[in-house]
Amino acid sequence: MVSAHTARNIVGIIGNVISFGLFISPVPTFYRIIKKKDVEEFKPDPYIATVLNCLFWVFYGMPFVHPDSLLVLTINAVGLVLELIYLSIFFAYAPNKGRKKVALWLGIEFTFYAIIVLITLLTLHGSKKRSLMVGIICDVFNIIMYASPLTVMAKVIKTKSVEYMPFYLSLANFLNGSVWTAYALIKFDIYVLVSNGLGAISGAIQLLLYAWYYRATPKVDKDGVAKPTVQLSTTNNATPAV
């Protein structure tokens, strides 16, 4: 019989794989940005939110904050590097307004992170107190990360088009939230459970929106030119543009 510790590690490894999929899911979007040399209507909000989220989960996974959380630490460290690469690409091709937004929010995030790290290490002693403080902050920003596509979801409903809501990012959000919820339930971790449970729900809503509005979305050919919907047959199975 598999022990709870072994089962938790197995689920954690699966969670790492799926989280990695979540972190690389925007690659088609940024390939499109690089190819067109234009960020179009894509928003940096999810990536800005994810940077702060990863920073705090890396801190949470440190042995002196929350022991036995190596799998949480490693995947979020990888995610942090990837999100900074995405934002660098966005910064390179965004108009001045978009660049200012990215620079301003990253500056605020790193300053806030440094303040919290200093307060935690200098005023709180013992992993229990540190886990409580950092865990609550992680939950807040994990929820913000999962909720950040709300701006895009509102655009989908308004335009009745999923062109600017990447499908793979939504799918990865749903799977990621679901697996980490299971991880948190095996060896109860309230901080991992709360935010990822809400993340699974958020991802499910995004997938439902995608399914609802996909047929109404103008398809795009390899040159980025929109094809009239009436020209597509019901058997067309082309991959949606993300």
Protein backbone atom coordinates (compact mmCIF):
# COMPACT_ATOMS: atom_id res chain seq x y z
CA MET A 1 0.00 0.00 0.00
CA VAL A 2 1.38 3.41 -0.95
CA SER A 3 2.01 5.67 2.03
CA ALA A 4 0.56 9.18 2.24
CA HIS A 5 4.08 10.63 1.98
CA THR A 6 4.82 8.68 -1.21
CA ALA A 7 1.43 9.51 -2.71
CA ARG A 8 1.96 13.19 -1.93
CA ASN A 9 5.36 13.16 -3.63
CA ILE A 10 3.91 11.43 -6.71
CA VAL A 11 1.08 13.96 -6.96
CA GLY A 12 3.59 16.76 -6.34
CA ILE A 13 5.76 15.56 -9.22
CA ILE A 14 2.69 15.39 -11.47
CA GLY A 15 1.84 18.89 -10.25
CA ASN A 16 5.33 20.06 -11.20
CA VAL A 17 4.89 18.66 -14.71
CA ILE A 18 1.48 20.28 -15.15
CA SER A 19 2.70 23.55 -13.62
CA PHE A 20 5.57 23.53 -16.10
CA GLY A 21 2.96 23.09 -18.81
CA LEU A 22 1.13 26.08 -17.35
CA PHE A 23 4.28 28.16 -17.41
CA ILE A 24 5.16 27.30 -21.03
CA SER A 25 1.57 27.52 -22.31
CA PRO A 26 1.98 31.20 -23.33
CA VAL A 27 4.81 30.27 -25.75
CA PRO A 28 2.50 30.32 -28.84
CA THR A 29 1.23 33.76 -27.78
CA PHE A 30 4.72 35.20 -27.48
CA TYR A 31 5.81 33.52 -30.70
CA ARG A 32 2.97 35.39 -32.37
CA ILE A 33 4.07 38.65 -30.71
CA ILE A 34 7.67 38.18 -31.88
CA LYS A 35 6.54 37.23 -35.40
CA LYS A 36 4.27 40.27 -35.72
CA LYS A 37 6.52 42.56 -33.65
CA ASP A 38 3.33 43.78 -31.98
CA VAL A 39 1.57 42.86 -28.73
CA GLU A 40 -1.82 43.59 -30.38
CA GLU A 41 -4.58 43.32 -27.74
CA PHE A 42 -2.70 40.89 -25.50
CA LYS A 43 -2.43 42.03 -21.90
CA PRO A 44 0.56 41.60 -19.54
CA ASP A 45 -1.66 41.33 -16.44
CA PRO A 46 -1.52 37.51 -15.99
CA TYR A 47 2.28 37.46 -16.33
CA ILE A 48 2.81 40.39 -13.96
CA ALA A 49 0.57 38.70 -11.39
CA THR A 50 2.36 35.37 -11.83
CA VAL A 51 5.79 36.91 -11.15
CA LEU A 52 4.77 38.02 -7.65
CA ASN A 53 2.96 34.74 -7.09
CA CYS A 54 6.09 32.73 -7.96
CA LEU A 55 8.31 34.94 -5.80
CA PHE A 56 6.23 34.28 -2.70
CA TRP A 57 5.82 30.55 -3.33
CA VAL A 58 9.60 30.24 -3.73
CA PHE A 59 9.96 31.94 -0.35
CA TYR A 60 7.21 29.74 1.15
CA GLY A 61 9.03 26.61 -0.05
CA MET A 62 12.27 27.51 1.71
CA PRO A 63 13.13 25.06 4.57
CA PHE A 64 13.27 27.90 7.11
CA VAL A 65 9.72 28.99 6.20
CA HIS A 66 7.78 25.78 5.42
CA PRO A 67 9.83 22.54 5.63
CA ASP A 68 9.24 19.62 3.23
CA SER A 69 8.11 21.86 0.37
CA LEU A 70 10.91 21.29 -2.13
CA LEU A 71 8.51 20.52 -4.99
CA VAL A 72 6.72 23.82 -4.40
CA LEU A 73 10.01 25.72 -4.41
CA THR A 74 11.53 24.19 -7.54
CA ILE A 75 8.61 24.60 -9.92
CA ASN A 76 7.96 28.17 -8.86
CA ALA A 77 11.62 29.07 -9.35
CA VAL A 78 11.36 27.75 -12.92
CA GLY A 79 8.10 29.62 -13.40
CA LEU A 80 9.61 32.88 -12.17
CA VAL A 81 12.38 32.73 -14.78
CA LEU A 82 9.93 31.96 -17.58
CA GLU A 83 7.50 34.75 -16.60
CA LEU A 84 10.33 37.29 -16.59
CA ILE A 85 11.31 36.14 -20.09
CA TYR A 86 7.71 36.61 -21.29
CA LEU A 87 7.52 40.09 -19.81
CA SER A 88 10.85 40.98 -21.42
CA ILE A 89 9.38 40.02 -24.82
CA PHE A 90 6.20 41.98 -24.09
CA PHE A 91 8.29 44.98 -23.01
CA ALA A 92 10.32 44.83 -26.24
CA TYR A 93 7.26 45.03 -28.52
CA ALA A 94 4.75 46.98 -26.44
CA PRO A 95 3.99 50.69 -26.95
CA ASN A 96 5.32 53.13 -24.35
CA LYS A 97 2.15 52.87 -22.25
CA GLY A 98 2.53 49.08 -22.04
CA ARG A 99 6.22 49.33 -21.18
CA LYS A 100 5.56 51.81 -18.39
CA LYS A 101 2.89 49.52 -16.96
CA VAL A 102 5.24 46.51 -16.90
CA ALA A 103 8.16 48.48 -15.42
CA LEU A 104 5.99 50.17 -12.78
CA TRP A 105 4.32 47.00 -11.56
CA LEU A 106 7.52 44.94 -11.50
CA GLY A 107 9.19 47.69 -9.47
CA ILE A 108 6.30 47.70 -7.00
CA GLU A 109 6.28 43.91 -6.77
CA PHE A 110 10.00 43.48 -6.08
CA THR A 111 9.95 46.28 -3.50
CA PHE A 112 6.96 44.76 -1.72
CA TYR A 113 8.54 41.29 -1.84
CA ALA A 114 11.79 42.54 -0.31
CA ILE A 115 9.88 44.25 2.53
CA ILE A 116 7.90 41.08 3.35
CA VAL A 117 11.03 38.90 3.28
CA LEU A 118 12.83 41.24 5.69
CA ILE A 119 9.86 41.45 8.07
CA THR A 120 9.42 37.68 8.06
CA LEU A 121 13.06 36.84 8.72
CA LEU A 122 13.72 39.57 11.27
CA THR A 123 10.51 39.51 13.33
CA LEU A 124 9.12 35.97 13.06
CA HIS A 125 10.97 33.02 14.55
CA GLY A 126 10.13 29.42 13.80
CA SER A 127 8.65 27.84 10.70
CA LYS A 128 5.09 27.78 12.11
CA LYS A 129 4.82 31.58 12.40
CA ARG A 130 6.62 32.14 9.11
CA SER A 131 4.41 29.61 7.32
CA LEU A 132 1.31 31.37 8.62
CA MET A 133 2.33 34.81 7.39
CA VAL A 134 3.88 33.79 4.08
CA GLY A 135 1.18 31.19 3.43
CA ILE A 136 -1.60 33.78 3.74
CA ILE A 137 0.26 36.15 1.41
CA CYS A 138 0.84 33.30 -1.07
CA ASP A 139 -2.87 32.52 -1.04
CA VAL A 140 -3.78 36.15 -1.73
CA PHE A 141 -1.44 36.44 -4.70
CA ASN A 142 -2.18 32.96 -6.01
CA ILE A 143 -5.85 33.94 -6.12
CA ILE A 144 -4.88 37.16 -7.92
CA MET A 145 -2.89 35.12 -10.45
CA TYR A 146 -5.83 32.82 -11.10
CA ALA A 147 -8.22 35.78 -11.24
CA SER A 148 -6.00 37.92 -13.50
CA PRO A 149 -7.55 36.46 -16.70
CA LEU A 150 -10.85 38.06 -15.61
CA THR A 151 -9.94 41.13 -17.66
CA VAL A 152 -9.52 38.91 -20.70
CA MET A 153 -12.68 36.94 -19.85
CA ALA A 154 -14.64 40.20 -19.79
CA LYS A 155 -13.25 41.00 -23.24
CA VAL A 156 -14.30 37.56 -24.50
CA ILE A 157 -17.89 38.11 -23.34
CA LYS A 158 -17.96 41.65 -24.76
CA THR A 159 -16.53 40.75 -28.18
CA LYS A 160 -17.89 37.18 -28.31
CA SER A 161 -14.39 36.13 -29.44
CA VAL A 162 -11.73 33.98 -27.74
CA GLU A 163 -8.89 35.18 -29.99
CA TYR A 164 -7.09 36.90 -27.11
CA MET A 165 -7.76 34.26 -24.44
CA PRO A 166 -5.13 31.52 -25.01
CA PHE A 167 -6.77 28.10 -24.77
CA TYR A 168 -3.69 26.27 -23.49
CA LEU A 169 -3.19 28.78 -20.69
CA SER A 170 -6.79 28.25 -19.57
CA LEU A 171 -6.47 24.46 -19.76
CA ALA A 172 -3.18 24.49 -17.86
CA ASN A 173 -4.72 26.74 -15.18
CA PHE A 174 -7.54 24.25 -14.64
CA LEU A 175 -5.26 21.18 -14.50
CA ASN A 176 -2.72 22.95 -12.33
CA GLY A 177 -5.32 24.04 -9.78
CA SER A 178 -6.87 20.57 -9.67
CA VAL A 179 -3.62 18.65 -9.10
CA TRP A 180 -2.28 21.00 -6.43
CA THR A 181 -5.65 20.80 -4.68
CA ALA A 182 -5.19 17.01 -4.51
CA TYR A 183 -1.61 17.51 -3.28
CA ALA A 184 -2.83 19.76 -0.46
CA LEU A 185 -5.52 17.28 0.61
CA ILE A 186 -3.17 14.28 0.97
CA LYS A 187 -1.12 15.97 3.68
CA PHE A 188 -3.42 18.81 4.61
CA ASP A 189 -1.95 22.18 3.66
CA ILE A 190 -4.61 24.87 3.93
CA TYR A 191 -2.48 27.48 2.14
CA VAL A 192 -1.97 25.36 -0.96
CA LEU A 193 -5.58 24.12 -0.85
CA VAL A 194 -7.53 27.39 -0.74
CA SER A 195 -5.94 29.23 -3.65
CA ASN A 196 -5.56 26.21 -5.91
CA GLY A 197 -9.14 25.10 -5.29
CA LEU A 198 -10.29 28.52 -6.47
CA GLY A 199 -7.81 28.25 -9.35
CA ALA A 200 -9.41 25.02 -10.53
CA ILE A 201 -12.80 26.75 -10.53
CA SER A 202 -11.41 29.78 -12.40
CA GLY A 203 -9.83 27.54 -15.03
CA ALA A 204 -13.08 25.62 -15.48
CA ILE A 205 -14.97 28.88 -16.09
CA GLN A 206 -12.39 29.95 -18.69
CA LEU A 207 -12.75 26.63 -20.52
CA LEU A 208 -16.54 26.95 -20.53
CA LEU A 209 -16.23 30.45 -22.03
CA TYR A 210 -13.83 29.14 -24.65
CA ALA A 211 -16.21 26.35 -25.62
CA TRP A 212 -19.15 28.76 -25.76
CA TYR A 213 -17.53 31.47 -27.92
CA TYR A 214 -15.08 29.42 -30.01
CA ARG A 215 -17.37 29.01 -33.03
CA ALA A 216 -18.10 32.75 -33.08
CA THR A 217 -14.38 33.61 -33.21
CA PRO A 218 -12.96 34.54 -36.65
CA LYS A 219 -10.27 32.03 -37.58
CA VAL A 220 -6.80 33.31 -38.48
CA ASP A 221 -4.61 31.91 -41.27
CA LYS A 222 -0.85 31.42 -41.06
CA ASP A 223 -0.26 35.03 -42.12
CA GLY A 224 -2.48 36.37 -39.33
CA VAL A 225 -5.32 37.34 -41.69
CA ALA A 226 -8.81 36.72 -40.35
CA LYS A 227 -10.88 34.30 -42.40
CA PRO A 228 -14.61 34.93 -42.75
CA THR A 229 -16.51 32.53 -40.54
CA VAL A 230 -18.95 31.66 -43.32
CA GLN A 231 -16.15 30.07 -45.35
CA LEU A 232 -15.47 27.42 -42.73
CA SER A 233 -17.24 24.09 -42.85
CA THR A 234 -18.41 22.32 -39.73
CA THR A 235 -15.71 19.69 -40.25
CA ASN A 236 -12.87 22.18 -40.05
CA ASN A 237 -10.53 21.08 -37.24
CA ALA A 238 -7.80 23.68 -37.51
CA THR A 239 -5.98 24.53 -34.34
CA PRO A 240 -7.34 27.78 -32.83
CA ALA A 241 -4.97 30.72 -32.83
CA VAL A 242 -3.57 31.49 -29.41
